[in-house]
Amino acid sequence: MVDLVSQYQVIKPEVDQAITTVLEAAQFINGPAVSGFQEDLESYLGVKHVIPCANGTDALQIALMALGLKPGDEVITPSFTYIATTEVVALLGLVPVFVDVDEETFCIDSSKIEAVITSKTKAIVPVHLYGQAANMEDIMKLANKHGIHVIEDNAQAIGSDYHMPSGDVKTGGIGHIGCTSFFPSKNLGCYGDGGAIFTNDDALAAQMRKISNHGQSKRYYHDTVGCNSRLDSIQAAVLKIKLAKLDDYISARRKVAAHYDQFLASFDGVITPVRGDQSRHVFHQYTMRLIGIDRDALNAHLAANGIPSMIYYPIPAHRQKMFSEFGSETTDLPVTDMLTRQVLSLPIHTEMEQDQLDYICSNIADFINAQV
């Protein structure tokens, strides 16, 4: 799905030198590599504060902890997402309230949010899925109307531009807090685990820095219960190099997506990804919908021919056993349930060559034509 070996070969001299610099300085935690990357990411995203942390799940957890929520408080989130988004809600004793997604963008359906807001609702966590942004303009209007915090899960859409009435804003910098993951396969990925939290709110930034550092702002003086979540210097050094190339990486992914679009347009029953008018799709995944075509059989056919493809996600959060205590399996989310039966993601990355694309497309054509 992602060719990290080929990507590394292109940037190998820079990466090797950056890692060597960290090793020679022996400043492995909170060293200059971390602060340098933090400053670059703040500039790129146009936000006041970036708090690097150990992974994307920690980023979401720390963000929720910083809001001072109490057990039983409700957090609105889509069910059609990676489990980390919703897992941290339950981990903190909060109640996930699942909302259906839009069948074109795959992101939370903003028109369905207000109906589930109650006096216990304290936060909304929209997910910018597959590289497509949720309808943040409407979500922020709702949040401001009801006095609710918004935490953007930006793990799959870092680098996306959102067209607000006041001008373009990077996703992750629209809500009260933004979170991301630097898992290796992400558009901006490191060579291990890593994550970050963003905000323009000085008080929230101070609280999140404190929480991520054992609840202390001064060494050995712990004001609140926190955790230990840090981005190490080697990962930061790699990310600093790759951040400078992120827009080029996004352009390469969009070219691959355009090729898939053109090829798949001639097949009935294949719905290619929609690009919402409000944002730039950065294609963390290229996810098509298959109607009247055996999705699982195509997945197996591609695998048999050495082509990876993935189902993101076969079981939505509201149907996971881990949430059974909330009775969420009875929640009516028809679009979410439909998409879990239809979606299939194809390989997409920055080093894809034409012969690879041709091979993937020819195998898809062979399968679909054999079904007719």
Protein backbone atom coordinates (compact mmCIF):
# COMPACT_ATOMS: atom_id res chain seq x y z
CA MET A 1 0.00 0.00 0.00
CA VAL A 2 2.93 2.34 0.73
CA ASP A 3 6.50 1.99 -0.59
CA LEU A 4 8.56 3.44 2.24
CA VAL A 5 11.76 1.78 1.00
CA SER A 6 11.70 3.67 -2.31
CA GLN A 7 10.76 6.89 -0.54
CA TYR A 8 13.71 6.48 1.84
CA GLN A 9 16.14 5.92 -1.03
CA VAL A 10 15.22 9.33 -2.47
CA ILE A 11 15.83 11.17 0.82
CA LYS A 12 18.51 8.82 2.21
CA PRO A 13 21.43 11.31 2.32
CA GLU A 14 19.38 13.90 4.24
CA VAL A 15 17.85 11.36 6.60
CA ASP A 16 21.12 9.58 7.34
CA GLN A 17 22.84 12.87 8.10
CA ALA A 18 20.01 14.06 10.32
CA ILE A 19 19.97 10.82 12.31
CA THR A 20 23.75 10.89 12.66
CA THR A 21 23.55 14.43 14.02
CA VAL A 22 21.10 13.31 16.69
CA LEU A 23 23.26 10.31 17.59
CA GLU A 24 26.41 12.40 17.87
CA ALA A 25 24.70 15.01 20.04
CA ALA A 26 23.08 12.28 22.19
CA GLN A 27 20.04 14.50 22.82
CA PHE A 28 17.44 11.85 22.23
CA ILE A 29 14.49 13.39 24.12
CA ASN A 30 13.27 16.98 23.71
CA GLY A 31 16.44 18.00 21.90
CA PRO A 32 16.90 20.63 19.21
CA ALA A 33 15.56 18.27 16.55
CA VAL A 34 12.19 18.22 18.30
CA SER A 35 11.98 21.97 18.78
CA GLY A 36 13.12 22.56 15.20
CA PHE A 37 10.41 20.29 13.79
CA GLN A 38 7.82 21.80 16.11
CA GLU A 39 8.57 25.30 14.85
CA ASP A 40 8.46 24.18 11.21
CA LEU A 41 5.11 22.45 11.72
CA GLU A 42 3.64 25.50 13.48
CA SER A 43 4.67 27.60 10.48
CA TYR A 44 3.34 25.09 7.94
CA LEU A 45 -0.03 24.69 9.65
CA GLY A 46 -0.36 28.36 10.59
CA VAL A 47 -1.05 27.56 14.25
CA LYS A 48 0.38 29.12 17.42
CA HIS A 49 1.17 25.90 19.23
CA VAL A 50 2.28 22.40 18.24
CA ILE A 51 2.79 19.90 21.06
CA PRO A 52 4.67 16.83 19.78
CA CYS A 53 3.79 13.54 21.47
CA ALA A 54 4.38 9.81 21.21
CA ASN A 55 1.59 8.81 18.80
CA GLY A 56 -1.75 9.85 17.36
CA THR A 57 -3.80 7.99 19.95
CA ASP A 58 -2.01 9.83 22.75
CA ALA A 59 -2.69 13.09 20.91
CA LEU A 60 -6.43 12.44 21.00
CA GLN A 61 -6.35 11.32 24.63
CA ILE A 62 -4.34 14.34 25.79
CA ALA A 63 -6.65 16.67 23.87
CA LEU A 64 -9.72 15.24 25.63
CA MET A 65 -7.98 15.30 29.02
CA ALA A 66 -7.13 18.98 28.55
CA LEU A 67 -10.82 19.86 28.28
CA GLY A 68 -11.43 18.71 31.85
CA LEU A 69 -14.31 16.43 30.94
CA LYS A 70 -15.99 14.28 33.56
CA PRO A 71 -17.03 10.61 33.37
CA GLY A 72 -20.41 10.41 31.66
CA ASP A 73 -19.84 13.47 29.48
CA GLU A 74 -20.69 12.81 25.85
CA VAL A 75 -18.42 13.12 22.83
CA ILE A 76 -19.89 13.10 19.31
CA THR A 77 -17.86 11.16 16.76
CA PRO A 78 -18.31 9.18 13.56
CA SER A 79 -18.35 5.40 13.79
CA PHE A 80 -16.75 5.02 10.37
CA THR A 81 -13.15 5.65 11.42
CA TYR A 82 -10.10 3.93 12.85
CA ILE A 83 -10.82 2.70 16.36
CA ALA A 84 -8.34 5.05 18.06
CA THR A 85 -10.70 7.99 17.57
CA THR A 86 -13.42 6.41 19.65
CA GLU A 87 -11.28 4.21 21.89
CA VAL A 88 -9.84 7.16 23.81
CA VAL A 89 -13.33 8.46 24.50
CA ALA A 90 -14.29 5.27 26.34
CA LEU A 91 -10.85 4.99 27.96
CA LEU A 92 -11.45 8.27 29.77
CA GLY A 93 -14.89 7.20 31.01
CA LEU A 94 -16.67 9.38 28.50
CA VAL A 95 -19.62 8.32 26.35
CA PRO A 96 -19.17 8.07 22.57
CA VAL A 97 -22.21 9.27 20.64
CA PHE A 98 -22.00 7.95 17.10
CA VAL A 99 -23.20 9.92 14.09
CA ASP A 100 -23.54 8.69 10.53
CA VAL A 101 -21.25 9.83 7.73
CA ASP A 102 -21.86 11.43 4.36
CA GLU A 103 -21.82 8.75 1.66
CA GLU A 104 -19.84 10.92 -0.76
CA THR A 105 -17.11 12.34 1.47
CA PHE A 106 -17.07 9.48 4.05
CA CYS A 107 -16.76 12.12 6.80
CA ILE A 108 -19.20 12.84 9.63
CA ASP A 109 -22.52 14.16 8.31
CA SER A 110 -22.73 17.62 9.83
CA SER A 111 -26.49 17.75 9.23
CA LYS A 112 -26.94 14.84 11.68
CA ILE A 113 -24.96 16.32 14.59
CA GLU A 114 -27.40 18.77 16.18
CA ALA A 115 -30.06 16.10 16.69
CA VAL A 116 -27.82 14.19 19.13
CA ILE A 117 -26.54 17.18 21.13
CA THR A 118 -27.67 17.06 24.77
CA SER A 119 -26.78 18.88 27.98
CA LYS A 120 -24.01 16.29 28.45
CA THR A 121 -22.38 16.93 25.07
CA LYS A 122 -18.95 18.45 25.61
CA ALA A 123 -17.00 17.78 22.42
CA ILE A 124 -17.24 16.85 18.76
CA VAL A 125 -14.43 14.87 17.12
CA PRO A 126 -14.75 15.10 13.33
CA VAL A 127 -12.42 12.81 11.38
CA HIS A 128 -10.90 13.95 8.09
CA LEU A 129 -11.08 10.48 6.59
CA TYR A 130 -8.84 9.20 3.78
CA GLY A 131 -7.48 12.73 3.27
CA GLN A 132 -10.86 14.42 2.79
CA ALA A 133 -11.93 17.14 5.22
CA ALA A 134 -15.20 17.06 7.12
CA ASN A 135 -17.57 20.03 6.79
CA MET A 136 -15.74 22.16 9.34
CA GLU A 137 -17.58 25.37 8.56
CA ASP A 138 -20.93 23.90 9.63
CA ILE A 139 -19.38 21.96 12.52
CA MET A 140 -17.79 25.09 13.98
CA LYS A 141 -21.08 26.98 13.66
CA LEU A 142 -22.83 24.23 15.62
CA ALA A 143 -20.07 24.07 18.21
CA ASN A 144 -20.14 27.82 18.79
CA LYS A 145 -23.93 27.80 19.01
CA HIS A 146 -23.93 25.13 21.72
CA GLY A 147 -20.66 25.94 23.50
CA ILE A 148 -18.97 22.66 22.52
CA HIS A 149 -15.29 22.03 21.89
CA VAL A 150 -14.11 20.62 18.56
CA ILE A 151 -11.12 18.27 18.30
CA GLU A 152 -10.10 17.53 14.72
CA ASP A 153 -8.74 14.05 14.03
CA ASN A 154 -6.34 15.09 11.27
CA ALA A 155 -4.27 11.89 11.16
CA GLN A 156 -5.23 11.15 7.55
CA ALA A 157 -5.43 14.67 6.13
CA ILE A 158 -2.41 16.66 7.26
CA GLY A 159 -1.60 19.20 4.55
CA SER A 160 -5.18 19.59 3.37
CA ASP A 161 -6.40 23.14 2.77
CA TYR A 162 -9.92 24.01 3.91
CA HIS A 163 -11.70 26.92 2.24
CA MET A 164 -13.26 28.93 5.07
CA PRO A 165 -15.10 32.20 4.24
CA SER A 166 -12.17 34.11 5.74
CA GLY A 167 -9.64 32.26 3.59
CA ASP A 168 -7.84 28.95 3.34
CA VAL A 169 -6.88 27.21 6.58
CA LYS A 170 -4.98 23.97 7.07
CA THR A 171 -7.05 21.17 8.55
CA GLY A 172 -6.11 20.60 12.17
CA GLY A 173 -6.03 24.34 12.76
CA ILE A 174 -9.76 25.02 12.46
CA GLY A 175 -11.18 23.47 15.63
CA HIS A 176 -10.17 24.24 19.19
CA ILE A 177 -7.62 21.41 19.01
CA GLY A 178 -6.21 19.34 16.17
CA CYS A 179 -4.50 15.97 16.43
CA THR A 180 -2.38 13.90 14.08
CA SER A 181 -0.40 10.70 13.84
CA PHE A 182 3.04 10.30 12.29
CA PHE A 183 2.67 6.54 11.83
CA PRO A 184 5.07 5.53 9.03
CA SER A 185 2.34 5.04 6.41
CA LYS A 186 0.82 8.50 6.92
CA ASN A 187 1.33 11.25 4.35
CA LEU A 188 3.73 12.77 6.87
CA GLY A 189 5.17 9.72 8.61
CA CYS A 190 8.22 9.02 10.72
CA TYR A 191 10.21 5.79 11.14
CA GLY A 192 8.43 4.66 14.28
CA ASP A 193 5.58 6.05 16.32
CA GLY A 194 4.87 9.74 16.68
CA GLY A 195 2.09 12.29 16.93
CA ALA A 196 1.27 15.91 17.60
CA ILE A 197 -1.44 18.20 18.94
CA PHE A 198 -2.21 21.69 17.56
CA THR A 199 -4.05 24.67 18.97
CA ASN A 200 -4.27 28.45 18.83
CA ASP A 201 -5.46 28.60 22.44
CA ASP A 202 -2.64 29.51 24.85
CA ALA A 203 -4.34 28.02 27.91
CA LEU A 204 -5.15 24.74 26.19
CA ALA A 205 -1.59 24.53 24.87
CA ALA A 206 -0.14 24.99 28.36
CA GLN A 207 -2.49 22.35 29.75
CA MET A 208 -1.67 19.83 27.02
CA ARG A 209 2.07 20.34 27.43
CA LYS A 210 1.63 19.74 31.15
CA ILE A 211 -0.49 16.61 30.67
CA SER A 212 1.95 15.09 28.18
CA ASN A 213 4.78 15.60 30.69
CA HIS A 214 3.42 13.77 33.75
CA GLY A 215 1.20 16.72 34.68
CA GLN A 216 4.15 18.96 35.46
CA SER A 217 5.17 22.38 34.20
CA LYS A 218 8.07 22.51 36.66
CA ARG A 219 10.19 19.43 37.21
CA TYR A 220 8.99 17.25 40.10
CA TYR A 221 5.97 19.51 40.76
CA HIS A 222 2.91 17.70 39.41
CA ASP A 223 -0.23 19.80 39.23
CA THR A 224 -2.51 17.27 37.55
CA VAL A 225 -2.63 13.63 36.54
CA GLY A 226 -0.90 13.34 33.22
CA CYS A 227 0.97 10.84 31.09
CA ASN A 228 4.38 10.41 29.50
CA SER A 229 4.07 11.09 25.80
CA ARG A 230 7.00 12.50 23.87
CA LEU A 231 8.25 12.54 20.29
CA ASP A 232 11.85 11.38 20.26
CA SER A 233 14.58 13.33 18.51
CA ILE A 234 15.34 10.79 15.79
CA GLN A 235 11.69 10.76 14.67
CA ALA A 236 11.57 14.56 14.78
CA ALA A 237 14.71 14.76 12.62
CA VAL A 238 13.11 12.52 10.00
CA LEU A 239 9.83 14.44 10.13
CA LYS A 240 11.56 17.79 9.65
CA ILE A 241 13.00 16.55 6.36
CA LYS A 242 9.73 15.02 5.17
CA LEU A 243 7.64 18.05 6.18
CA ALA A 244 9.59 20.17 3.69
CA LYS A 245 8.51 17.72 0.99
CA LEU A 246 4.92 17.18 2.15
CA ASP A 247 3.28 19.32 -0.53
CA ASP A 248 5.26 17.46 -3.21
CA TYR A 249 4.17 14.16 -1.67
CA ILE A 250 0.55 15.33 -1.76
CA SER A 251 0.86 16.35 -5.42
CA ALA A 252 2.25 12.91 -6.28
CA ARG A 253 -0.64 11.21 -4.50
CA ARG A 254 -3.17 13.40 -6.29
CA LYS A 255 -1.66 12.43 -9.66
CA VAL A 256 -2.04 8.74 -8.81
CA ALA A 257 -5.64 9.40 -7.75
CA ALA A 258 -6.35 11.19 -11.02
CA HIS A 259 -5.01 8.19 -12.95
CA TYR A 260 -7.26 5.81 -11.03
CA ASP A 261 -10.21 8.16 -11.58
CA GLN A 262 -9.71 8.21 -15.33
CA PHE A 263 -9.30 4.45 -15.57
CA LEU A 264 -12.22 3.50 -13.30
CA ALA A 265 -14.67 5.97 -14.85
CA SER A 266 -15.66 3.48 -17.55
CA PHE A 267 -16.78 0.76 -15.14
CA ASP A 268 -20.38 0.66 -13.97
CA GLY A 269 -20.64 -0.06 -10.28
CA VAL A 270 -17.39 1.68 -9.36
CA ILE A 271 -17.74 5.00 -7.54
CA THR A 272 -14.48 6.90 -7.36
CA PRO A 273 -13.65 9.27 -4.47
CA VAL A 274 -15.47 12.58 -4.45
CA ARG A 275 -13.48 15.78 -3.97
CA GLY A 276 -15.46 18.10 -1.72
CA ASP A 277 -15.66 21.71 -2.88
CA GLN A 278 -14.61 23.01 0.55
CA SER A 279 -11.18 21.40 0.76
CA ARG A 280 -8.22 19.85 -1.02
CA HIS A 281 -8.21 16.04 -0.87
CA VAL A 282 -4.69 14.81 0.03
CA PHE A 283 -5.38 11.11 -0.59
CA HIS A 284 -3.98 9.31 2.38
CA GLN A 285 -6.06 6.50 0.89
CA TYR A 286 -7.67 6.08 -2.51
CA THR A 287 -10.98 4.50 -1.52
CA MET A 288 -13.55 3.48 -4.10
CA ARG A 289 -17.05 2.09 -3.59
CA LEU A 290 -18.16 -1.07 -5.35
CA ILE A 291 -21.85 -1.60 -6.10
CA GLY A 292 -22.88 -4.89 -7.71
CA ILE A 293 -19.23 -5.98 -7.77
CA ASP A 294 -17.96 -8.58 -5.30
CA ARG A 295 -15.68 -6.43 -3.15
CA ASP A 296 -14.17 -9.29 -1.16
CA ALA A 297 -13.54 -11.36 -4.28
CA LEU A 298 -11.77 -8.41 -5.95
CA ASN A 299 -9.69 -7.92 -2.79
CA ALA A 300 -8.67 -11.60 -2.98
CA HIS A 301 -8.02 -11.43 -6.73
CA LEU A 302 -5.66 -8.49 -6.32
CA ALA A 303 -3.84 -10.21 -3.45
CA ALA A 304 -3.39 -13.35 -5.55
CA ASN A 305 -1.65 -11.18 -8.15
CA GLY A 306 0.68 -9.52 -5.68
CA ILE A 307 -1.35 -6.31 -5.33
CA PRO A 308 -2.27 -5.11 -1.84
CA SER A 309 -5.68 -3.59 -1.25
CA MET A 310 -7.37 -2.88 2.05
CA ILE A 311 -10.84 -2.59 3.53
CA TYR A 312 -10.90 0.52 5.71
CA TYR A 313 -12.99 -0.37 7.74
CA PRO A 314 -14.81 -3.73 7.77
CA ILE A 315 -16.46 -3.24 11.18
CA PRO A 316 -17.49 0.27 12.30
CA ALA A 317 -16.88 1.41 15.85
CA HIS A 318 -20.53 1.25 16.93
CA ARG A 319 -20.58 -2.48 16.14
CA GLN A 320 -17.35 -3.30 17.96
CA LYS A 321 -17.60 -5.52 21.04
CA MET A 322 -15.59 -3.00 23.07
CA PHE A 323 -18.52 -0.55 22.97
CA SER A 324 -21.24 -3.05 23.87
CA GLU A 325 -21.69 -1.43 27.31
CA PHE A 326 -23.10 1.64 25.56
CA GLY A 327 -25.64 -0.36 23.56
CA SER A 328 -24.26 1.28 20.44
CA GLU A 329 -24.89 -1.75 18.23
CA THR A 330 -28.53 -0.67 18.04
CA THR A 331 -27.61 2.80 16.75
CA ASP A 332 -29.06 3.36 13.29
CA LEU A 333 -26.20 4.39 11.00
CA PRO A 334 -27.30 3.13 7.58
CA VAL A 335 -24.64 4.92 5.51
CA THR A 336 -21.85 3.70 7.77
CA ASP A 337 -23.09 0.11 7.57
CA MET A 338 -23.43 0.39 3.80
CA LEU A 339 -19.91 1.70 3.32
CA THR A 340 -18.35 -1.11 5.33
CA ARG A 341 -19.73 -3.47 2.66
CA GLN A 342 -18.66 -1.38 -0.33
CA VAL A 343 -15.30 0.30 0.25
CA LEU A 344 -11.93 -0.88 -1.03
CA SER A 345 -8.69 1.10 -0.92
CA LEU A 346 -6.04 0.76 -3.64
CA PRO A 347 -2.29 1.32 -3.30
CA ILE A 348 -1.32 4.98 -3.40
CA HIS A 349 2.00 6.53 -2.52
CA THR A 350 4.61 9.00 -3.66
CA GLU A 351 6.88 6.68 -5.61
CA MET A 352 4.32 4.86 -7.77
CA GLU A 353 5.48 4.30 -11.33
CA GLN A 354 3.39 4.00 -14.47
CA ASP A 355 4.04 0.29 -14.91
CA GLN A 356 2.77 -0.35 -11.38
CA LEU A 357 -0.39 1.63 -12.03
CA ASP A 358 -0.93 -0.16 -15.34
CA TYR A 359 -0.53 -3.55 -13.66
CA ILE A 360 -3.00 -2.68 -10.89
CA CYS A 361 -5.55 -1.29 -13.33
CA SER A 362 -5.28 -4.22 -15.74
CA ASN A 363 -5.94 -6.67 -12.91
CA ILE A 364 -8.98 -4.69 -11.79
CA ALA A 365 -10.25 -4.68 -15.39
CA ASP A 366 -9.70 -8.43 -15.75
CA PHE A 367 -11.74 -9.12 -12.63
CA ILE A 368 -14.65 -6.79 -13.41
CA ASN A 369 -14.89 -7.86 -17.04
CA ALA A 370 -14.97 -11.50 -15.96
CA GLN A 371 -17.96 -10.73 -13.75
CA VAL A 372 -20.03 -9.25 -16.56
